[in-house]
Amino acid sequence: MKILNCPLNGPRNISEFICFGEVTDMPNPNELSDEQWADYMWMSNNTAGVVREWWCHAATSYWFIVERNTITDEILKTYPANEIFKERVEF
């Protein structure tokens, strides 16, 4: 059984989590064409190596960041999103 250390809930079975892809800088949606916005929303880099990813604990809807090596699938670090993002973005 693979364990993921959730910053809120502690060590949990990885089956309780959903990965939502790489953490990237969000562009201003008001300055993009529909095609550019769709590209930002749906396309990913699929980087080989260490990446920062958005993960969610499904049972509590808690979102956080995981640093994971996509080649070895090793989880290097987990931490709350507010360590990187200091402000909430409103649409």
N, C-alpha and C. Protein backbone atom coordinates (compact mmCIF):
# COMPACT_ATOMS: atom_id res chain seq x y z
N MET A 1 0.85 -1.18 0.00
CA MET A 1 0.00 0.00 0.00
C MET A 1 0.89 1.24 0.00
N LYS A 2 0.64 2.15 -0.95
CA LYS A 2 1.41 3.38 -1.02
C LYS A 2 0.74 4.45 -0.17
N ILE A 3 1.54 5.16 0.61
CA ILE A 3 1.05 6.18 1.53
C ILE A 3 1.46 7.56 1.03
N LEU A 4 0.55 8.52 1.15
CA LEU A 4 0.84 9.91 0.84
C LEU A 4 0.59 10.71 2.11
N ASN A 5 1.54 11.58 2.45
CA ASN A 5 1.41 12.39 3.65
C ASN A 5 0.67 13.68 3.32
N CYS A 6 -0.60 13.74 3.68
CA CYS A 6 -1.42 14.92 3.45
C CYS A 6 -1.08 15.97 4.51
N PRO A 7 -0.84 17.23 4.12
CA PRO A 7 -0.53 18.26 5.11
C PRO A 7 -1.65 18.49 6.13
N LEU A 8 -2.89 18.18 5.78
CA LEU A 8 -4.02 18.37 6.69
C LEU A 8 -4.37 17.10 7.45
N ASN A 9 -4.39 15.98 6.76
CA ASN A 9 -4.92 14.73 7.34
C ASN A 9 -3.85 13.71 7.73
N GLY A 10 -2.59 14.02 7.47
CA GLY A 10 -1.52 13.09 7.81
C GLY A 10 -1.39 11.96 6.80
N PRO A 11 -0.67 10.91 7.15
CA PRO A 11 -0.45 9.79 6.22
C PRO A 11 -1.75 9.07 5.90
N ARG A 12 -2.03 8.93 4.60
CA ARG A 12 -3.27 8.28 4.14
C ARG A 12 -2.93 7.40 2.93
N ASN A 13 -3.77 6.43 2.67
CA ASN A 13 -3.62 5.59 1.49
C ASN A 13 -3.75 6.46 0.25
N ILE A 14 -2.86 6.28 -0.71
CA ILE A 14 -2.84 7.13 -1.90
C ILE A 14 -4.14 7.04 -2.71
N SER A 15 -4.89 5.98 -2.52
CA SER A 15 -6.16 5.85 -3.24
C SER A 15 -7.19 6.90 -2.82
N GLU A 16 -6.94 7.61 -1.72
CA GLU A 16 -7.84 8.66 -1.25
C GLU A 16 -7.61 10.00 -1.96
N PHE A 17 -6.62 10.05 -2.86
CA PHE A 17 -6.21 11.31 -3.47
C PHE A 17 -6.41 11.29 -4.98
N ILE A 18 -6.53 12.51 -5.53
CA ILE A 18 -6.62 12.69 -6.97
C ILE A 18 -5.56 13.70 -7.38
N CYS A 19 -4.80 13.37 -8.40
CA CYS A 19 -3.79 14.30 -8.94
C CYS A 19 -4.44 15.10 -10.06
N PHE A 20 -4.24 16.42 -10.02
CA PHE A 20 -4.84 17.29 -11.02
C PHE A 20 -3.83 17.98 -11.91
N GLY A 21 -2.58 17.54 -11.91
CA GLY A 21 -1.60 18.07 -12.85
C GLY A 21 -0.65 19.10 -12.28
N GLU A 22 0.23 19.54 -13.14
CA GLU A 22 1.32 20.42 -12.74
C GLU A 22 0.84 21.78 -12.26
N VAL A 23 1.55 22.31 -11.28
CA VAL A 23 1.35 23.68 -10.82
C VAL A 23 2.02 24.59 -11.84
N THR A 24 1.27 25.49 -12.41
CA THR A 24 1.80 26.45 -13.38
C THR A 24 1.31 27.84 -13.03
N ASP A 25 2.00 28.83 -13.54
CA ASP A 25 1.55 30.21 -13.34
C ASP A 25 0.26 30.42 -14.13
N MET A 26 -0.73 31.01 -13.47
CA MET A 26 -2.00 31.24 -14.13
C MET A 26 -1.97 32.57 -14.88
N PRO A 27 -2.24 32.55 -16.16
CA PRO A 27 -2.31 33.81 -16.90
C PRO A 27 -3.60 34.55 -16.58
N ASN A 28 -3.65 35.81 -16.94
CA ASN A 28 -4.87 36.58 -16.76
C ASN A 28 -5.87 36.14 -17.83
N PRO A 29 -7.00 35.53 -17.43
CA PRO A 29 -7.95 35.03 -18.44
C PRO A 29 -8.56 36.13 -19.29
N ASN A 30 -8.54 37.36 -18.81
CA ASN A 30 -9.10 38.47 -19.58
C ASN A 30 -8.18 38.92 -20.71
N GLU A 31 -6.94 38.45 -20.71
CA GLU A 31 -5.98 38.85 -21.73
C GLU A 31 -5.70 37.75 -22.74
N LEU A 32 -6.42 36.63 -22.66
CA LEU A 32 -6.17 35.50 -23.55
C LEU A 32 -7.35 35.27 -24.49
N SER A 33 -7.03 34.71 -25.63
CA SER A 33 -8.10 34.27 -26.53
C SER A 33 -8.71 32.99 -25.94
N ASP A 34 -9.85 32.59 -26.44
CA ASP A 34 -10.47 31.35 -25.99
C ASP A 34 -9.53 30.16 -26.22
N GLU A 35 -8.84 30.17 -27.35
CA GLU A 35 -7.91 29.08 -27.68
C GLU A 35 -6.74 29.03 -26.69
N GLN A 36 -6.20 30.19 -26.35
CA GLN A 36 -5.10 30.24 -25.38
C GLN A 36 -5.56 29.78 -23.99
N TRP A 37 -6.76 30.20 -23.59
CA TRP A 37 -7.28 29.79 -22.28
C TRP A 37 -7.51 28.27 -22.25
N ALA A 38 -8.07 27.72 -23.32
CA ALA A 38 -8.28 26.28 -23.40
C ALA A 38 -6.95 25.54 -23.34
N ASP A 39 -5.94 26.07 -24.00
CA ASP A 39 -4.61 25.46 -23.96
C ASP A 39 -4.07 25.45 -22.53
N TYR A 40 -4.21 26.57 -21.82
CA TYR A 40 -3.77 26.63 -20.42
C TYR A 40 -4.53 25.61 -19.56
N MET A 41 -5.83 25.53 -19.76
CA MET A 41 -6.67 24.66 -18.92
C MET A 41 -6.44 23.18 -19.18
N TRP A 42 -6.23 22.77 -20.42
CA TRP A 42 -6.29 21.35 -20.76
C TRP A 42 -4.98 20.71 -21.22
N MET A 43 -4.00 21.51 -21.58
CA MET A 43 -2.74 20.93 -22.04
C MET A 43 -1.72 20.93 -20.89
N SER A 44 -0.89 19.91 -20.86
CA SER A 44 0.14 19.85 -19.82
C SER A 44 1.50 19.63 -20.45
N ASN A 45 2.55 19.94 -19.68
CA ASN A 45 3.91 19.79 -20.17
C ASN A 45 4.38 18.35 -20.14
N ASN A 46 3.83 17.53 -19.24
CA ASN A 46 4.29 16.15 -19.06
C ASN A 46 5.79 16.09 -18.84
N THR A 47 6.28 16.92 -17.95
CA THR A 47 7.70 17.02 -17.66
C THR A 47 8.22 15.73 -17.06
N ALA A 48 9.36 15.27 -17.54
CA ALA A 48 10.03 14.11 -16.95
C ALA A 48 10.98 14.62 -15.88
N GLY A 49 10.81 14.12 -14.66
CA GLY A 49 11.64 14.56 -13.55
C GLY A 49 10.78 15.10 -12.42
N VAL A 50 11.35 15.95 -11.61
CA VAL A 50 10.65 16.48 -10.45
C VAL A 50 9.73 17.62 -10.86
N VAL A 51 8.46 17.49 -10.50
CA VAL A 51 7.46 18.52 -10.79
C VAL A 51 6.63 18.80 -9.54
N ARG A 52 6.03 19.98 -9.52
CA ARG A 52 5.06 20.32 -8.48
C ARG A 52 3.68 20.08 -9.07
N GLU A 53 2.83 19.37 -8.33
CA GLU A 53 1.50 19.02 -8.83
C GLU A 53 0.43 19.39 -7.81
N TRP A 54 -0.76 19.70 -8.33
CA TRP A 54 -1.94 19.88 -7.50
C TRP A 54 -2.52 18.52 -7.15
N TRP A 55 -2.75 18.26 -5.87
CA TRP A 55 -3.41 17.05 -5.42
C TRP A 55 -4.56 17.43 -4.50
N CYS A 56 -5.56 16.56 -4.45
CA CYS A 56 -6.72 16.80 -3.60
C CYS A 56 -7.03 15.54 -2.81
N HIS A 57 -7.26 15.71 -1.50
CA HIS A 57 -7.74 14.60 -0.69
C HIS A 57 -9.25 14.53 -0.91
N ALA A 58 -9.70 13.46 -1.57
CA ALA A 58 -11.09 13.37 -2.01
C ALA A 58 -12.10 13.44 -0.86
N ALA A 59 -11.78 12.84 0.26
CA ALA A 59 -12.74 12.79 1.38
C ALA A 59 -12.98 14.15 2.02
N THR A 60 -11.97 15.02 2.01
CA THR A 60 -12.11 16.32 2.68
C THR A 60 -12.05 17.50 1.71
N SER A 61 -11.83 17.24 0.43
CA SER A 61 -11.68 18.28 -0.59
C SER A 61 -10.54 19.25 -0.26
N TYR A 62 -9.52 18.74 0.39
CA TYR A 62 -8.36 19.57 0.74
C TYR A 62 -7.34 19.53 -0.39
N TRP A 63 -7.03 20.72 -0.93
CA TRP A 63 -6.07 20.86 -2.02
C TRP A 63 -4.70 21.22 -1.46
N PHE A 64 -3.66 20.60 -2.02
CA PHE A 64 -2.30 20.88 -1.58
C PHE A 64 -1.34 20.57 -2.72
N ILE A 65 -0.06 20.76 -2.48
CA ILE A 65 0.95 20.58 -3.51
C ILE A 65 1.86 19.41 -3.16
N VAL A 66 2.16 18.63 -4.18
CA VAL A 66 3.07 17.49 -4.05
C VAL A 66 4.24 17.71 -5.00
N GLU A 67 5.45 17.53 -4.50
CA GLU A 67 6.61 17.48 -5.38
C GLU A 67 6.90 16.01 -5.62
N ARG A 68 6.84 15.61 -6.91
CA ARG A 68 6.94 14.20 -7.27
C ARG A 68 7.87 14.03 -8.46
N ASN A 69 8.67 12.97 -8.42
CA ASN A 69 9.50 12.63 -9.56
C ASN A 69 8.65 11.78 -10.50
N THR A 70 8.36 12.30 -11.68
CA THR A 70 7.48 11.58 -12.60
C THR A 70 8.16 10.38 -13.26
N ILE A 71 9.46 10.29 -13.15
CA ILE A 71 10.18 9.14 -13.71
C ILE A 71 10.12 7.95 -12.74
N THR A 72 10.36 8.21 -11.45
CA THR A 72 10.38 7.13 -10.46
C THR A 72 9.08 7.02 -9.68
N ASP A 73 8.20 8.01 -9.80
CA ASP A 73 6.95 8.13 -9.05
C ASP A 73 7.20 8.34 -7.55
N GLU A 74 8.41 8.74 -7.19
CA GLU A 74 8.74 9.02 -5.79
C GLU A 74 8.15 10.36 -5.37
N ILE A 75 7.47 10.38 -4.23
CA ILE A 75 6.94 11.61 -3.67
C ILE A 75 8.00 12.20 -2.76
N LEU A 76 8.45 13.41 -3.09
CA LEU A 76 9.55 14.03 -2.37
C LEU A 76 9.08 14.93 -1.24
N LYS A 77 7.94 15.60 -1.44
CA LYS A 77 7.48 16.57 -0.44
C LYS A 77 6.01 16.87 -0.67
N THR A 78 5.28 17.12 0.41
CA THR A 78 3.90 17.61 0.33
C THR A 78 3.80 18.84 1.22
N TYR A 79 3.00 19.82 0.78
CA TYR A 79 2.85 21.03 1.60
C TYR A 79 1.60 21.80 1.19
N PRO A 80 1.09 22.65 2.10
CA PRO A 80 -0.10 23.44 1.78
C PRO A 80 0.18 24.41 0.64
N ALA A 81 -0.82 24.68 -0.17
CA ALA A 81 -0.67 25.58 -1.31
C ALA A 81 -0.29 26.99 -0.89
N ASN A 82 -0.66 27.39 0.33
CA ASN A 82 -0.36 28.76 0.75
C ASN A 82 1.12 29.00 1.01
N GLU A 83 1.94 27.96 0.92
CA GLU A 83 3.39 28.17 0.99
C GLU A 83 3.90 28.81 -0.30
N ILE A 84 3.16 28.65 -1.38
CA ILE A 84 3.54 29.23 -2.68
C ILE A 84 2.61 30.38 -3.04
N PHE A 85 1.32 30.16 -2.87
CA PHE A 85 0.31 31.14 -3.28
C PHE A 85 -0.15 31.92 -2.06
N LYS A 86 0.16 33.21 -2.04
CA LYS A 86 -0.15 34.05 -0.89
C LYS A 86 -1.50 34.75 -1.01
N GLU A 87 -2.03 34.82 -2.23
CA GLU A 87 -3.31 35.50 -2.46
C GLU A 87 -4.27 34.57 -3.18
N ARG A 88 -5.53 34.70 -2.89
CA ARG A 88 -6.57 33.95 -3.59
C ARG A 88 -6.91 34.69 -4.88
N VAL A 89 -7.06 33.97 -5.98
CA VAL A 89 -7.40 34.56 -7.26
C VAL A 89 -8.92 34.44 -7.44
N GLU A 90 -9.55 35.57 -7.66
CA GLU A 90 -11.00 35.60 -7.90
C GLU A 90 -11.26 35.80 -9.38
N PHE A 91 -12.29 35.18 -9.89
CA PHE A 91 -12.69 35.34 -11.29
C PHE A 91 -13.89 36.23 -11.38
